[in-house]
């Protein structure tokens, strides 16, 4: 295989940088289907009777036929179509696919309904007492002048032995039906230890040649009237952080705020969302962009270095892909779209995981922040804990 995306009728197939070279190469599994072109790659028709093997559904496309797996973010500048997962702790997993086509309905891809665990079986890395105490400790850090804002999160998990591709796709189909999201993604690449279904509403980085946008979310309520002054102040604080991050790799005068504190409605929630845009310097690639902006400011805090220290001290469980970056890069066309990995389920070590949290400022009430973390999880855990027939 020469590493280029191919016509599926020719070869078949379903359609924190560590600086490590590509580790693995695979051919694609055969499947019938007439070709047509989408997004600069040769595409093929979907046939539901044959499971695709490793796959990613991102940006409305089904990508299959793994060519390379690497943790070197520089590979994203060298060509090919990539699915990308970067854990909050900085571990990058970039998977290059040889086949890309329009995605079929996820329910058809899964071929069976999602069968979730009992709702009462989920356990949390922080209970209400631990979370509210964390909020108090963060307020003490703010009073001492160490930080201005910290995003405090907990990870819930439940035993679940079924982590096959059909199960991951079935969960993603349930999310797409009951909690559609603008940056939804599903990936199943066991060779890279990627098994996740995301219903993220938040844009981390969208890249079109040298123009990059970020859409931080800060401020959450059931409805718009639930948003208050603390949410606006927090959003503006994170917008300043994102402006500073992107300013490190932007042309002089190349950073602008396209919108500030706009209210967006999402399933069961209202958010305050801003948009920051930057024109990159000519020497900036994906490694430099990540070095400047990762982890996302909206799920870390300000100043970011101090916030990460506090997170490391207070959170007993690693976040993994939750609060990291999840999405795709088309290096040949200079395009990419990475979501903040919130509203995301991932499978590992015989368990299904889900994270939620809230941004803590001096004006935070510990119980109100716990209720926000619960609110963000409520709808998604109800979907994941049900059995659809």
Foldseek 3Di string as FASTA:
>chain_A
DPQAAAACQVQNAPALAPPDDWDDADFGDHDDFHWDDDPRHIAGDDDLVDQRAWWKCWPQKIHTTWGTKHSGQVVLQVFAKWWWFAWQVGGIIITGGRHMYGDDQLCSNLVFAAAFAALVQKDKLADLVLQLVLLVVVLVCVVVVLFFKFWAKMKIKGFAQDQDPSNLSNLLNLCCVQFAEPGWMATDDVVRQFGKTFRFNFFQWWWQAQKIKGKAWFFKDQDPVVGDPVRLVQQVQLVVVQQQLLVVFADVVFKDKPAGQDWDDGVRMIIGITMMMGGGDPVDDRVSSCVSQPQHCNNFHPPRVSSVVSNVVRRPDGRTSQQHWTHMHRSVRGTITIGGRARMWTDDPRMIMHMFTHMHGNPDDSVVRVVRRCSSCVVSSVSNRHTDD
